[in-house]
PDB file of N, CA and C in Angstrom:
ATOM      1  N   MET A   1      20.740   9.714  -0.327  1.00  0.00           N
ATOM      2  CA  MET A   1      19.222   9.847   0.104  1.00  0.00           C
ATOM      3  C   MET A   1      18.965  10.925   1.179  1.00  0.00           C
ATOM      4  N   LYS A   2      17.470  11.252   0.579  1.00  0.00           N
ATOM      5  CA  LYS A   2      17.173  12.832   1.058  1.00  0.00           C
ATOM      6  C   LYS A   2      15.981  12.756   1.391  1.00  0.00           C
ATOM      7  N   ILE A   3      16.165  12.957   3.232  1.00  0.00           N
ATOM      8  CA  ILE A   3      14.726  12.616   4.012  1.00  0.00           C
ATOM      9  C   ILE A   3      13.341  13.247   3.883  1.00  0.00           C
ATOM     10  N   SER A   4      12.638  13.201   3.939  1.00  0.00           N
ATOM     11  CA  SER A   4      11.081  13.346   3.417  1.00  0.00           C
ATOM     12  C   SER A   4       9.953  13.705   4.303  1.00  0.00           C
ATOM     13  N   TYR A   5       9.445  14.220   5.289  1.00  0.00           N
ATOM     14  CA  TYR A   5       8.752  14.674   5.954  1.00  0.00           C
ATOM     15  C   TYR A   5       7.552  14.044   5.455  1.00  0.00           C
ATOM     16  N   ASN A   6       6.927  14.163   4.515  1.00  0.00           N
ATOM     17  CA  ASN A   6       5.288  14.308   3.894  1.00  0.00           C
ATOM     18  C   ASN A   6       4.896  13.777   4.536  1.00  0.00           C
ATOM     19  N   PRO A   7       5.006  12.350   4.415  1.00  0.00           N
ATOM     20  CA  PRO A   7       3.446  11.018   5.001  1.00  0.00           C
ATOM     21  C   PRO A   7       3.709  12.336   7.186  1.00  0.00           C
ATOM     22  N   LEU A   8       4.450  12.430   7.664  1.00  0.00           N
ATOM     23  CA  LEU A   8       4.220  13.507   8.721  1.00  0.00           C
ATOM     24  C   LEU A   8       2.944  14.135   8.479  1.00  0.00           C
ATOM     25  N   TRP A   9       2.815  15.396   7.690  1.00  0.00           N
ATOM     26  CA  TRP A   9       1.875  16.266   7.199  1.00  0.00           C
ATOM     27  C   TRP A   9       0.960  15.313   6.388  1.00  0.00           C
ATOM     28  N   LYS A  10       1.078  14.604   6.265  1.00  0.00           N
ATOM     29  CA  LYS A  10      -0.179  13.615   5.609  1.00  0.00           C
ATOM     30  C   LYS A  10      -0.841  13.307   6.651  1.00  0.00           C
ATOM     31  N   LEU A  11      -0.496  12.827   7.502  1.00  0.00           N
ATOM     32  CA  LEU A  11      -1.482  12.225   8.560  1.00  0.00           C
ATOM     33  C   LEU A  11      -1.681  13.661   9.236  1.00  0.00           C
ATOM     34  N   MET A  12      -1.038  14.399   9.806  1.00  0.00           N
ATOM     35  CA  MET A  12      -1.104  15.913  10.406  1.00  0.00           C
ATOM     36  C   MET A  12      -2.872  15.915   9.945  1.00  0.00           C
ATOM     37  N   ILE A  13      -3.047  15.932   8.785  1.00  0.00           N
ATOM     38  CA  ILE A  13      -4.123  16.544   8.045  1.00  0.00           C
ATOM     39  C   ILE A  13      -5.702  15.688   8.370  1.00  0.00           C
ATOM     40  N   ASP A  14      -4.689  14.421   8.144  1.00  0.00           N
ATOM     41  CA  ASP A  14      -6.065  13.603   8.394  1.00  0.00           C
ATOM     42  C   ASP A  14      -6.451  13.333   9.383  1.00  0.00           C
ATOM     43  N   LYS A  15      -5.358  13.319  10.697  1.00  0.00           N
ATOM     44  CA  LYS A  15      -5.588  13.699  12.818  1.00  0.00           C
ATOM     45  C   LYS A  15      -6.471  14.330  12.521  1.00  0.00           C
ATOM     46  N   LYS A  16      -6.053  15.460  11.657  1.00  0.00           N
ATOM     47  CA  LYS A  16      -6.933  17.096  12.088  1.00  0.00           C
ATOM     48  C   LYS A  16      -5.768  17.828  13.419  1.00  0.00           C
ATOM     49  N   ILE A  17      -4.632  17.865  13.140  1.00  0.00           N
ATOM     50  CA  ILE A  17      -3.607  18.366  14.298  1.00  0.00           C
ATOM     51  C   ILE A  17      -2.808  19.436  13.538  1.00  0.00           C
ATOM     52  N   LYS A  18      -3.005  20.814  14.097  1.00  0.00           N
ATOM     53  CA  LYS A  18      -2.016  22.263  13.483  1.00  0.00           C
ATOM     54  C   LYS A  18      -0.681  21.611  14.069  1.00  0.00           C
ATOM     55  N   LYS A  19       0.266  22.308  13.773  1.00  0.00           N
ATOM     56  CA  LYS A  19       1.936  21.897  13.397  1.00  0.00           C
ATOM     57  C   LYS A  19       2.212  23.064  14.913  1.00  0.00           C
ATOM     58  N   SER A  20       1.223  23.757  15.299  1.00  0.00           N
ATOM     59  CA  SER A  20       1.384  23.956  16.208  1.00  0.00           C
ATOM     60  C   SER A  20       0.743  23.675  17.885  1.00  0.00           C
ATOM     61  N   LYS A  21       0.010  22.157  17.305  1.00  0.00           N
ATOM     62  CA  LYS A  21      -0.355  21.647  18.447  1.00  0.00           C
ATOM     63  C   LYS A  21       1.065  20.192  18.548  1.00  0.00           C
ATOM     64  N   LEU A  22       1.075  19.953  17.515  1.00  0.00           N
ATOM     65  CA  LEU A  22       2.496  18.772  17.829  1.00  0.00           C
ATOM     66  C   LEU A  22       3.577  19.495  18.466  1.00  0.00           C
ATOM     67  N   GLN A  23       3.959  20.611  18.023  1.00  0.00           N
ATOM     68  CA  GLN A  23       5.175  21.568  18.466  1.00  0.00           C
ATOM     69  C   GLN A  23       4.977  21.325  20.136  1.00  0.00           C
ATOM     70  N   HIS A  24       3.796  21.834  20.479  1.00  0.00           N
ATOM     71  CA  HIS A  24       3.738  21.415  22.387  1.00  0.00           C
ATOM     72  C   HIS A  24       2.749  20.783  22.836  1.00  0.00           C
ATOM     73  N   LEU A  25       2.794  19.273  22.176  1.00  0.00           N
ATOM     74  CA  LEU A  25       2.146  18.421  22.958  1.00  0.00           C
ATOM     75  C   LEU A  25       3.298  17.253  22.550  1.00  0.00           C
ATOM     76  N   ALA A  26       4.516  17.615  21.913  1.00  0.00           N
ATOM     77  CA  ALA A  26       5.471  16.857  21.532  1.00  0.00           C
ATOM     78  C   ALA A  26       6.618  17.620  22.132  1.00  0.00           C
ATOM     79  N   GLY A  27       6.764  18.909  22.844  1.00  0.00           N
ATOM     80  CA  GLY A  27       7.115  19.456  23.605  1.00  0.00           C
ATOM     81  C   GLY A  27       9.062  19.528  23.404  1.00  0.00           C
ATOM     82  N   PHE A  28       9.094  20.185  21.765  1.00  0.00           N
ATOM     83  CA  PHE A  28       9.953  20.600  20.965  1.00  0.00           C
ATOM     84  C   PHE A  28       9.653  21.872  20.353  1.00  0.00           C
ATOM     85  N   GLY A  29      11.050  22.949  19.813  1.00  0.00           N
ATOM     86  CA  GLY A  29      10.635  24.310  20.200  1.00  0.00           C
ATOM     87  C   GLY A  29      10.358  24.292  18.250  1.00  0.00           C
ATOM     88  N   SER A  30      10.574  25.488  17.966  1.00  0.00           N
ATOM     89  CA  SER A  30      10.323  26.207  16.996  1.00  0.00           C
ATOM     90  C   SER A  30      11.208  25.973  15.347  1.00  0.00           C
ATOM     91  N   SER A  31      12.930  25.973  16.145  1.00  0.00           N
ATOM     92  CA  SER A  31      13.637  26.469  14.812  1.00  0.00           C
ATOM     93  C   SER A  31      13.068  24.416  15.102  1.00  0.00           C
ATOM     94  N   THR A  32      13.084  23.183  15.756  1.00  0.00           N
ATOM     95  CA  THR A  32      12.742  22.148  14.686  1.00  0.00           C
ATOM     96  C   THR A  32      11.197  21.944  14.046  1.00  0.00           C
ATOM     97  N   MET A  33      10.782  22.768  14.850  1.00  0.00           N
ATOM     98  CA  MET A  33       9.370  22.440  13.688  1.00  0.00           C
ATOM     99  C   MET A  33       9.577  23.340  12.087  1.00  0.00           C
ATOM    100  N   THR A  34      11.206  23.994  11.835  1.00  0.00           N
ATOM    101  CA  THR A  34      11.891  24.285  10.980  1.00  0.00           C
ATOM    102  C   THR A  34      12.484  23.522  10.057  1.00  0.00           C
ATOM    103  N   LYS A  35      12.706  23.131  11.086  1.00  0.00           N
ATOM    104  CA  LYS A  35      13.671  21.633  10.415  1.00  0.00           C
ATOM    105  C   LYS A  35      13.036  20.834   9.575  1.00  0.00           C
ATOM    106  N   LEU A  36      11.721  20.663  10.220  1.00  0.00           N
ATOM    107  CA  LEU A  36      10.658  19.447  10.121  1.00  0.00           C
ATOM    108  C   LEU A  36      10.468  20.156   8.209  1.00  0.00           C
ATOM    109  N   ARG A  37      10.284  21.561   8.373  1.00  0.00           N
ATOM    110  CA  ARG A  37       9.879  21.625   6.920  1.00  0.00           C
ATOM    111  C   ARG A  37      10.185  22.115   5.868  1.00  0.00           C
ATOM    112  N   ASN A  38      11.810  21.863   6.429  1.00  0.00           N
ATOM    113  CA  ASN A  38      12.735  22.402   5.587  1.00  0.00           C
ATOM    114  C   ASN A  38      13.301  20.392   5.102  1.00  0.00           C
ATOM    115  N   ASP A  39      12.686  19.815   5.863  1.00  0.00           N
ATOM    116  CA  ASP A  39      13.167  18.483   5.320  1.00  0.00           C
ATOM    117  C   ASP A  39      14.856  18.428   5.557  1.00  0.00           C
ATOM    118  N   GLU A  40      14.491  18.376   7.083  1.00  0.00           N
ATOM    119  CA  GLU A  40      16.052  18.938   7.333  1.00  0.00           C
ATOM    120  C   GLU A  40      16.284  17.734   8.843  1.00  0.00           C
ATOM    121  N   THR A  41      17.745  17.069   9.108  1.00  0.00           N
ATOM    122  CA  THR A  41      17.376  15.707  10.328  1.00  0.00           C
ATOM    123  C   THR A  41      16.738  16.234  11.673  1.00  0.00           C
ATOM    124  N   VAL A  42      16.312  15.355  12.890  1.00  0.00           N
ATOM    125  CA  VAL A  42      15.456  16.117  13.729  1.00  0.00           C
ATOM    126  C   VAL A  42      16.229  14.574  15.073  1.00  0.00           C
ATOM    127  N   THR A  43      16.207  14.608  16.180  1.00  0.00           N
ATOM    128  CA  THR A  43      16.769  13.763  16.966  1.00  0.00           C
ATOM    129  C   THR A  43      15.855  12.517  16.751  1.00  0.00           C
ATOM    130  N   THR A  44      16.685  11.590  16.407  1.00  0.00           N
ATOM    131  CA  THR A  44      15.173  10.353  17.004  1.00  0.00           C
ATOM    132  C   THR A  44      14.067  10.593  18.012  1.00  0.00           C
ATOM    133  N   ASP A  45      14.764  10.985  19.183  1.00  0.00           N
ATOM    134  CA  ASP A  45      13.895  11.575  20.073  1.00  0.00           C
ATOM    135  C   ASP A  45      12.494  12.598  19.525  1.00  0.00           C
ATOM    136  N   THR A  46      13.481  12.984  19.072  1.00  0.00           N
ATOM    137  CA  THR A  46      12.084  13.680  18.489  1.00  0.00           C
ATOM    138  C   THR A  46      10.965  13.383  17.584  1.00  0.00           C
ATOM    139  N   LEU A  47      11.212  12.420  16.856  1.00  0.00           N
ATOM    140  CA  LEU A  47      10.329  11.054  16.264  1.00  0.00           C
ATOM    141  C   LEU A  47       9.777  10.668  17.040  1.00  0.00           C
ATOM    142  N   LEU A  48      10.243  10.098  17.852  1.00  0.00           N
ATOM    143  CA  LEU A  48       9.374   9.236  18.925  1.00  0.00           C
ATOM    144  C   LEU A  48       8.665   9.934  19.547  1.00  0.00           C
ATOM    145  N   ARG A  49       8.782  10.735  19.919  1.00  0.00           N
ATOM    146  CA  ARG A  49       7.641  12.065  20.773  1.00  0.00           C
ATOM    147  C   ARG A  49       6.392  12.393  19.680  1.00  0.00           C
ATOM    148  N   ILE A  50       6.810  12.780  18.596  1.00  0.00           N
ATOM    149  CA  ILE A  50       6.223  12.396  17.798  1.00  0.00           C
ATOM    150  C   ILE A  50       5.292  11.959  17.247  1.00  0.00           C
ATOM    151  N   CYS A  51       5.676  10.226  17.405  1.00  0.00           N
ATOM    152  CA  CYS A  51       5.016   8.697  17.387  1.00  0.00           C
ATOM    153  C   CYS A  51       3.729   8.825  18.458  1.00  0.00           C
ATOM    154  N   GLU A  52       4.369   9.182  18.987  1.00  0.00           N
ATOM    155  CA  GLU A  52       4.051   8.987  20.554  1.00  0.00           C
ATOM    156  C   GLU A  52       2.853  10.038  20.492  1.00  0.00           C
ATOM    157  N   VAL A  53       2.846  10.720  20.448  1.00  0.00           N
ATOM    158  CA  VAL A  53       1.544  12.022  20.132  1.00  0.00           C
ATOM    159  C   VAL A  53       0.095  11.325  18.777  1.00  0.00           C
ATOM    160  N   LEU A  54       0.987  11.611  18.394  1.00  0.00           N
ATOM    161  CA  LEU A  54       0.219  10.835  16.784  1.00  0.00           C
ATOM    162  C   LEU A  54      -0.385   9.475  17.461  1.00  0.00           C
ATOM    163  N   ASN A  55       0.417   8.315  18.012  1.00  0.00           N
ATOM    164  CA  ASN A  55      -0.150   7.175  18.013  1.00  0.00           C
ATOM    165  C   ASN A  55       0.683   6.536  16.821  1.00  0.00           C
ATOM    166  N   CYS A  56       1.953   6.312  16.613  1.00  0.00           N
ATOM    167  CA  CYS A  56       2.011   5.930  14.533  1.00  0.00           C
ATOM    168  C   CYS A  56       3.249   5.419  14.484  1.00  0.00           C
ATOM    169  N   GLN A  57       3.722   4.172  13.869  1.00  0.00           N
ATOM    170  CA  GLN A  57       5.257   4.543  13.956  1.00  0.00           C
ATOM    171  C   GLN A  57       6.150   5.687  12.957  1.00  0.00           C
ATOM    172  N   ILE A  58       7.712   5.384  13.038  1.00  0.00           N
ATOM    173  CA  ILE A  58       8.369   5.984  12.698  1.00  0.00           C
ATOM    174  C   ILE A  58       8.321   6.063  11.181  1.00  0.00           C
ATOM    175  N   SER A  59       7.470   5.450  10.038  1.00  0.00           N
ATOM    176  CA  SER A  59       7.864   4.994   9.107  1.00  0.00           C
ATOM    177  C   SER A  59       6.557   5.714   8.114  1.00  0.00           C
ATOM    178  N   ASP A  60       5.669   6.338   9.526  1.00  0.00           N
ATOM    179  CA  ASP A  60       4.580   6.698   9.364  1.00  0.00           C
ATOM    180  C   ASP A  60       4.337   7.931   8.681  1.00  0.00           C
ATOM    181  N   VAL A  61       5.836   9.109   9.417  1.00  0.00           N
ATOM    182  CA  VAL A  61       6.467  10.296   9.055  1.00  0.00           C
ATOM    183  C   VAL A  61       7.161  10.392   8.613  1.00  0.00           C
ATOM    184  N   ILE A  62       8.207  10.179   8.108  1.00  0.00           N
ATOM    185  CA  ILE A  62       9.312  10.416   7.398  1.00  0.00           C
ATOM    186  C   ILE A  62       9.408   8.987   6.675  1.00  0.00           C
ATOM    187  N   GLU A  63      10.425   9.479   5.633  1.00  0.00           N
ATOM    188  CA  GLU A  63      10.784   8.504   4.389  1.00  0.00           C
ATOM    189  C   GLU A  63      11.473   9.073   3.810  1.00  0.00           C
ATOM    190  N   CYS A  64      13.063   7.812   3.320  1.00  0.00           N
ATOM    191  CA  CYS A  64      14.031   8.360   2.474  1.00  0.00           C
ATOM    192  C   CYS A  64      13.494   7.875   0.489  1.00  0.00           C
ATOM    193  N   LEU A  65      14.387   9.508   0.268  1.00  0.00           N
ATOM    194  CA  LEU A  65      13.522   9.141  -1.448  1.00  0.00           C
ATOM    195  C   LEU A  65      15.316   9.719  -1.707  1.00  0.00           C
ATOM    196  N   GLU A  66      15.176   8.745  -3.115  1.00  0.00           N
ATOM    197  CA  GLU A  66      17.063   9.332  -3.934  1.00  0.00           C
ATOM    198  C   GLU A  66      16.740  10.576  -4.407  1.00  0.00           C
ATOM    199  N   ASP A  67      18.091  10.958  -4.426  1.00  0.00           N
ATOM    200  CA  ASP A  67      18.451  12.369  -4.547  1.00  0.00           C
ATOM    201  C   ASP A  67      18.604  12.550  -5.744  1.00  0.00           C
TER     202      ASP A  67
END
């Protein structure tokens, strides 16, 4: 299985939130944003902070794809 954050990017477009603003509001660094952009794993804590900022569920920001 492979992780994809495409739902996160779509949600951010819908809510008109830029990546830099999400990074600031959720309190994570540029290396975490790079991981998100490259569909790499991040901590559950990071995902929960993103969900808190966007007022959504984890399933709204991540999806699992077949290899």
